[in-house]
Protein backbone atom coordinates (compact mmCIF):
# COMPACT_ATOMS: atom_id res chain seq x y z
CA MET A 1 41.78 -13.03 -4.29
CA PRO A 2 45.23 -12.80 -5.90
CA THR A 3 48.03 -14.94 -4.49
CA LEU A 4 50.93 -13.15 -2.82
CA ARG A 5 54.03 -14.43 -4.57
CA THR A 6 56.87 -14.49 -2.04
CA VAL A 7 60.62 -15.11 -1.88
CA ILE A 8 62.26 -16.00 1.43
CA VAL A 9 65.85 -14.89 1.96
CA ASP A 10 67.67 -16.16 5.07
CA ASP A 11 71.01 -17.87 5.54
CA GLU A 12 69.56 -20.29 8.10
CA ASP A 13 67.76 -23.36 6.72
CA LEU A 14 65.53 -23.68 9.80
CA ALA A 15 64.45 -20.05 9.61
CA ARG A 16 63.42 -20.44 5.93
CA LEU A 17 61.58 -23.68 6.81
CA ARG A 18 59.72 -21.98 9.66
CA LEU A 19 58.69 -19.01 7.48
CA ARG A 20 57.58 -21.30 4.69
CA THR A 21 55.48 -23.32 7.16
CA LEU A 22 53.84 -20.17 8.55
CA LEU A 23 53.11 -18.85 5.10
CA GLN A 24 51.40 -22.09 4.07
CA GLU A 25 48.89 -21.57 6.85
CA LEU A 26 47.80 -18.18 5.51
CA GLN A 27 44.59 -18.01 3.51
CA ASP A 28 43.86 -14.31 3.36
CA PRO A 29 45.68 -13.48 1.24
CA PRO A 30 46.89 -16.84 -0.04
CA VAL A 31 50.68 -17.01 -0.25
CA GLU A 32 52.83 -18.91 -2.72
CA VAL A 33 56.54 -19.26 -1.95
CA ILE A 34 58.06 -18.94 -5.40
CA GLY A 35 61.66 -19.08 -4.30
CA GLU A 36 64.19 -19.14 -1.48
CA ALA A 37 67.75 -18.01 -1.16
CA ALA A 38 70.41 -18.48 1.49
CA ASP A 39 72.26 -15.26 0.59
CA ALA A 40 71.62 -11.88 -0.91
CA THR A 41 73.58 -12.58 -4.11
CA ALA A 42 71.47 -15.61 -5.01
CA ALA A 43 68.27 -13.72 -4.13
CA LEU A 44 69.22 -10.69 -6.27
CA GLN A 45 70.03 -12.94 -9.24
CA ARG A 46 66.64 -14.68 -8.85
CA LEU A 47 64.76 -11.39 -8.57
CA GLN A 48 66.61 -9.62 -11.34
CA ALA A 49 65.82 -12.50 -13.73
CA GLY A 50 62.12 -11.59 -13.47
CA GLY A 51 62.70 -7.86 -13.12
CA GLY A 52 61.00 -8.20 -9.74
CA GLY A 53 57.67 -8.46 -11.51
CA ASP A 54 57.05 -12.14 -10.69
CA CYS A 55 57.53 -11.48 -6.97
CA ASP A 56 55.24 -9.42 -4.74
CA LEU A 57 56.99 -9.81 -1.39
CA VAL A 58 60.46 -10.60 -0.09
CA LEU A 59 60.82 -11.81 3.47
CA LEU A 60 64.37 -10.81 4.27
CA ASP A 61 66.89 -11.46 7.04
CA ILE A 62 69.37 -8.71 7.82
CA ARG A 63 72.53 -10.51 8.99
CA MET A 64 73.82 -12.87 6.34
CA PRO A 65 77.31 -13.74 5.09
CA GLY A 66 78.49 -11.42 2.31
CA ARG A 67 75.98 -8.77 1.27
CA ASP A 68 73.51 -8.20 4.09
CA GLY A 69 69.74 -7.75 3.89
CA MET A 70 69.93 -3.96 3.99
CA GLN A 71 72.21 -3.94 0.96
CA LEU A 72 69.88 -6.35 -0.86
CA ALA A 73 66.80 -4.16 0.00
CA ALA A 74 68.57 -1.14 -1.43
CA ALA A 75 69.46 -3.03 -4.64
CA LEU A 76 65.84 -4.24 -4.99
CA ARG A 77 64.61 -0.64 -5.19
CA SER A 78 66.29 -0.34 -8.63
CA LEU A 79 64.28 -3.18 -10.18
CA PRO A 80 61.61 -2.14 -12.73
CA GLN A 81 58.94 -3.60 -10.49
CA PRO A 82 60.48 -3.86 -7.00
CA PRO A 83 58.81 -6.23 -4.60
CA SER A 84 57.66 -5.14 -1.15
CA VAL A 85 60.15 -6.01 1.58
CA VAL A 86 59.45 -7.26 5.10
CA PHE A 87 62.50 -7.73 7.27
CA VAL A 88 62.31 -10.78 9.49
CA THR A 89 65.17 -10.74 11.93
CA ALA A 90 66.20 -11.30 15.55
CA HIS A 91 67.97 -7.90 15.61
CA GLY A 92 65.67 -4.92 16.41
CA SER A 93 68.49 -2.37 16.13
CA HIS A 94 68.16 -1.96 12.37
CA ALA A 95 64.48 -0.95 12.20
CA LEU A 96 65.00 2.76 11.43
CA ARG A 97 67.31 2.00 8.49
CA ALA A 98 64.82 -0.61 7.26
CA PHE A 99 62.02 1.89 7.00
CA GLU A 100 64.36 4.34 5.23
CA LEU A 101 64.61 1.60 2.56
CA ASP A 102 60.78 1.57 2.26
CA ALA A 103 60.32 -1.70 4.15
CA VAL A 104 56.63 -2.59 4.55
CA ASP A 105 57.32 -4.03 7.99
CA TYR A 106 60.06 -5.15 10.35
CA LEU A 107 59.38 -8.31 12.36
CA THR A 108 61.60 -9.45 15.22
């Protein structure tokens, strides 16, 4: 079974740690965290470098300093091979907009 190559984007260190820990427990499909970013700008630079093709999934927070997760998700759609996006956030009020950006899921 192919490994799900994942990037975690959240401005909170503990949130990234928790997601990474949960992902390490998954076996079906196996998940490899290939990168992390504390803001949308760093995440976009990382994902643009590979054209999105080296990443299958982005776990994405919405509220971050600077560019927010919604803006990042919109930018990812322009990559030659955009990754799937799952929003992981404490704020349920953005779900409709998330699905308009082709989010695979929205976890609160």
